[in-house]
Amino acid sequence: MNHSHTTVSLGFTDEQFPPGTHICQIYSDDAEREESLAKFILSGLQAKECTACFSDNIRIEELTAYLAENGISYEACENDGLISVVGTRDIYFEDGKFDPSRMLDLLTVFHENSVAKGAPAARVIGEMDAVINDTPGGERLLEYESRVTMLLAEHPVTAVCQYDAKAFDGKTIMDILKVHPLMVVRGAVVRNPFFISPEEFLSEMNEGT
């Protein structure tokens, strides 16, 4: 991989961040989610990064038009392997269950493939579905997010995790914040005061079992 990119643009904020940054976006309305998603994808493709999106709530026609307005061909990027869009339930809940180890393996392979392509960086934006609360393995969500932070230190995929504030209860939202070092607040990315290091979080979790 070309390591000349020491920082990357997220698209929805002017600040630059190191590849491998793990960010949580708790959104309250769909327009907020869509704007961040579109700008994140656009900035990745403009930089020729390998870009993935996990969402059931994305309109490919609208995304294609938005990219075209900014000089990017969705079809060309797809043909070049620079973008992939996969449904949330298809990616997170294969075989009707949530398996953190499988997801971590997918992120690892995604990064390795981007390296093989010679892409300057890789990024993913994923929207978590509240169906995880009723899915086998869903109780391991916080473990997964904490382990993602550890994984990205070795496989620096820039990751934005989107959560609908209306779909999860307050306790779950607070717990989700604990496992993300950065969060989006009014369009700005800030250091998360609730963050617990993955080593500490996983240790506490293991002690509680």
Protein backbone atom coordinates (compact mmCIF):
# COMPACT_ATOMS: atom_id res chain seq x y z
CA MET A 1 0.00 0.00 0.00
CA ASN A 2 1.14 3.52 -0.67
CA HIS A 3 1.67 5.03 2.78
CA SER A 4 1.94 8.61 1.52
CA HIS A 5 -1.57 9.17 2.93
CA THR A 6 -0.80 9.93 6.60
CA THR A 7 -4.30 11.32 7.09
CA VAL A 8 -7.63 10.89 5.33
CA SER A 9 -10.71 13.04 4.81
CA LEU A 10 -14.04 11.81 6.12
CA GLY A 11 -15.92 14.12 3.77
CA PHE A 12 -18.42 15.40 6.34
CA THR A 13 -15.90 17.36 8.45
CA ASP A 14 -12.91 19.51 7.53
CA GLU A 15 -10.57 17.78 9.98
CA GLN A 16 -8.25 15.03 8.71
CA PHE A 17 -7.74 11.76 10.57
CA PRO A 18 -5.22 8.90 10.51
CA PRO A 19 -6.28 5.80 8.57
CA GLY A 20 -7.75 3.26 10.96
CA THR A 21 -9.79 5.77 12.96
CA HIS A 22 -12.88 4.22 14.60
CA ILE A 23 -15.83 6.63 14.84
CA CYS A 24 -19.36 6.34 16.19
CA GLN A 25 -22.21 8.40 14.74
CA ILE A 26 -25.41 8.41 16.77
CA TYR A 27 -27.92 10.03 14.44
CA SER A 28 -31.40 11.29 15.18
CA ASP A 29 -32.82 11.73 11.69
CA ASP A 30 -32.33 9.97 8.40
CA ALA A 31 -31.17 13.06 6.52
CA GLU A 32 -28.21 13.30 8.90
CA ARG A 33 -27.32 9.67 8.28
CA GLU A 34 -27.64 9.98 4.50
CA GLU A 35 -25.54 13.13 4.30
CA SER A 36 -22.67 11.65 6.29
CA LEU A 37 -22.82 8.40 4.34
CA ALA A 38 -22.77 10.10 0.92
CA LYS A 39 -19.94 12.48 1.82
CA PHE A 40 -17.89 9.71 3.41
CA ILE A 41 -18.21 7.54 0.30
CA LEU A 42 -17.46 10.45 -2.04
CA SER A 43 -14.30 11.49 -0.21
CA GLY A 44 -13.06 7.91 -0.22
CA LEU A 45 -13.61 7.45 -3.94
CA GLN A 46 -12.08 10.85 -4.73
CA ALA A 47 -8.94 9.60 -2.96
CA LYS A 48 -9.22 6.24 -4.77
CA GLU A 49 -9.59 4.40 -1.49
CA CYS A 50 -11.31 1.04 -1.34
CA THR A 51 -14.70 1.97 0.10
CA ALA A 52 -17.41 -0.26 1.55
CA CYS A 53 -20.90 0.55 2.78
CA PHE A 54 -23.09 -1.72 4.91
CA SER A 55 -26.65 -0.41 4.81
CA ASP A 56 -30.20 -1.47 4.04
CA ASN A 57 -31.17 2.19 3.71
CA ILE A 58 -29.17 3.38 0.72
CA ARG A 59 -30.63 4.27 -2.66
CA ILE A 60 -28.06 3.34 -5.28
CA GLU A 61 -29.71 5.57 -7.88
CA GLU A 62 -29.43 8.61 -5.62
CA LEU A 63 -25.86 7.76 -4.62
CA THR A 64 -24.93 7.31 -8.29
CA ALA A 65 -26.40 10.70 -9.15
CA TYR A 66 -24.66 12.39 -6.21
CA LEU A 67 -21.29 10.92 -7.18
CA ALA A 68 -21.82 11.90 -10.82
CA GLU A 69 -22.49 15.50 -9.76
CA ASN A 70 -19.04 15.41 -8.19
CA GLY A 71 -17.27 13.83 -11.16
CA ILE A 72 -17.25 10.23 -9.92
CA SER A 73 -18.73 7.28 -11.82
CA TYR A 74 -20.27 4.74 -9.46
CA GLU A 75 -20.20 2.09 -12.20
CA ALA A 76 -16.52 2.68 -12.98
CA CYS A 77 -15.60 2.54 -9.30
CA GLU A 78 -17.60 -0.66 -8.87
CA ASN A 79 -15.88 -2.22 -11.89
CA ASP A 80 -12.49 -1.23 -10.47
CA GLY A 81 -13.34 -2.82 -7.13
CA LEU A 82 -13.20 0.51 -5.32
CA ILE A 83 -16.72 0.40 -3.94
CA SER A 84 -19.00 -2.27 -2.56
CA VAL A 85 -22.45 -1.79 -1.07
CA VAL A 86 -23.91 -4.65 0.96
CA GLY A 87 -27.16 -4.85 2.93
CA THR A 88 -26.81 -4.57 6.70
CA ARG A 89 -28.54 -7.84 7.40
CA ASP A 90 -26.62 -9.63 4.66
CA ILE A 91 -23.24 -8.59 6.09
CA TYR A 92 -23.83 -8.64 9.85
CA PHE A 93 -26.28 -11.49 10.22
CA GLU A 94 -25.18 -14.27 7.90
CA ASP A 95 -27.05 -17.50 8.68
CA GLY A 96 -29.30 -15.56 11.03
CA LYS A 97 -26.67 -14.87 13.69
CA PHE A 98 -24.10 -12.25 14.64
CA ASP A 99 -20.53 -13.57 14.76
CA PRO A 100 -17.89 -10.98 15.77
CA SER A 101 -15.01 -13.20 14.67
CA ARG A 102 -16.44 -13.54 11.16
CA MET A 103 -16.89 -9.77 10.90
CA LEU A 104 -13.35 -9.11 12.10
CA ASP A 105 -12.06 -11.57 9.51
CA LEU A 106 -14.04 -9.73 6.81
CA LEU A 107 -12.49 -6.40 7.82
CA THR A 108 -9.03 -7.97 7.80
CA VAL A 109 -9.54 -9.37 4.29
CA PHE A 110 -11.00 -6.06 3.12
CA HIS A 111 -7.85 -4.27 4.25
CA GLU A 112 -5.54 -6.91 2.78
CA ASN A 113 -7.35 -6.69 -0.57
CA SER A 114 -7.01 -2.91 -0.58
CA VAL A 115 -3.28 -3.30 0.03
CA ALA A 116 -3.06 -5.77 -2.86
CA LYS A 117 -4.83 -3.28 -5.14
CA GLY A 118 -2.34 -0.58 -4.22
CA ALA A 119 -5.08 1.66 -2.84
CA PRO A 120 -3.79 4.48 -0.61
CA ALA A 121 -6.25 3.54 2.15
CA ALA A 122 -9.51 1.71 2.89
CA ARG A 123 -12.71 2.78 4.59
CA VAL A 124 -16.06 1.37 5.63
CA ILE A 125 -19.28 2.91 6.87
CA GLY A 126 -21.80 0.59 8.46
CA GLU A 127 -25.26 1.10 9.88
CA MET A 128 -26.12 -1.27 12.71
CA ASP A 129 -29.68 -2.63 12.60
CA ALA A 130 -31.65 -2.81 15.86
CA VAL A 131 -32.57 -6.38 14.89
CA ILE A 132 -29.26 -7.28 16.52
CA ASN A 133 -31.08 -7.08 19.86
CA ASP A 134 -33.08 -10.17 18.88
CA THR A 135 -30.38 -12.01 16.93
CA PRO A 136 -28.30 -14.90 18.31
CA GLY A 137 -24.86 -13.50 19.12
CA GLY A 138 -26.23 -9.97 19.35
CA GLU A 139 -25.20 -9.80 23.00
CA ARG A 140 -21.60 -9.70 21.72
CA LEU A 141 -22.03 -6.36 19.93
CA LEU A 142 -19.97 -4.36 22.43
CA GLU A 143 -17.26 -7.01 22.40
CA TYR A 144 -17.19 -6.74 18.62
CA GLU A 145 -16.92 -2.94 18.55
CA SER A 146 -14.16 -3.02 21.15
CA ARG A 147 -12.23 -5.64 19.19
CA VAL A 148 -12.67 -3.56 16.01
CA THR A 149 -10.67 -0.75 17.65
CA MET A 150 -7.86 -3.24 18.35
CA LEU A 151 -8.01 -4.69 14.82
CA LEU A 152 -7.78 -1.29 13.13
CA ALA A 153 -4.45 -0.64 14.83
CA GLU A 154 -3.01 -3.44 12.66
CA HIS A 155 -5.36 -3.20 9.67
CA PRO A 156 -6.09 0.54 9.39
CA VAL A 157 -9.51 0.65 7.80
CA THR A 158 -11.16 3.98 8.59
CA ALA A 159 -14.52 3.00 10.08
CA VAL A 160 -17.69 4.97 10.80
CA CYS A 161 -20.39 3.06 12.71
CA GLN A 162 -23.87 4.55 12.44
CA TYR A 163 -26.52 3.95 15.12
CA ASP A 164 -30.08 5.25 15.07
CA ALA A 165 -30.79 6.95 18.41
CA LYS A 166 -34.48 6.10 17.99
CA ALA A 167 -33.86 2.38 17.50
CA PHE A 168 -31.73 1.70 20.58
CA ASP A 169 -32.46 2.48 24.23
CA GLY A 170 -30.42 4.98 26.23
CA LYS A 171 -28.34 2.39 28.07
CA THR A 172 -27.36 0.67 24.83
CA ILE A 173 -26.37 4.01 23.26
CA MET A 174 -24.17 4.82 26.26
CA ASP A 175 -22.56 1.38 26.06
CA ILE A 176 -21.95 1.83 22.33
CA LEU A 177 -20.19 5.13 23.00
CA LYS A 178 -17.87 3.42 25.49
CA VAL A 179 -16.34 1.29 22.72
CA HIS A 180 -15.66 4.04 20.16
CA PRO A 181 -12.71 6.41 20.67
CA LEU A 182 -14.31 9.16 18.56
CA MET A 183 -17.88 10.28 17.96
CA VAL A 184 -19.74 12.66 15.66
CA VAL A 185 -21.39 15.64 17.35
CA ARG A 186 -23.28 18.14 15.16
CA GLY A 187 -21.16 17.25 12.15
CA ALA A 188 -17.86 17.52 14.04
CA VAL A 189 -15.74 14.55 15.12
CA VAL A 190 -14.69 14.81 18.75
CA ARG A 191 -12.80 12.64 21.20
CA ASN A 192 -15.26 10.52 23.12
CA PRO A 193 -15.17 11.23 26.88
CA PHE A 194 -16.99 7.96 27.56
CA PHE A 195 -14.44 5.80 25.72
CA ILE A 196 -12.90 2.85 27.55
CA SER A 197 -9.79 1.30 25.99
CA PRO A 198 -10.53 -2.09 24.42
CA GLU A 199 -8.04 -3.82 26.71
CA GLU A 200 -9.79 -2.42 29.80
CA PHE A 201 -13.28 -2.97 28.42
CA LEU A 202 -12.67 -6.59 27.43
CA SER A 203 -10.96 -7.27 30.77
CA GLU A 204 -13.95 -5.86 32.66
CA MET A 205 -16.32 -7.83 30.47
CA ASN A 206 -14.44 -11.07 31.11
CA GLU A 207 -14.42 -10.42 34.85
CA GLY A 208 -18.18 -9.99 34.76
CA THR A 209 -18.83 -13.36 33.11
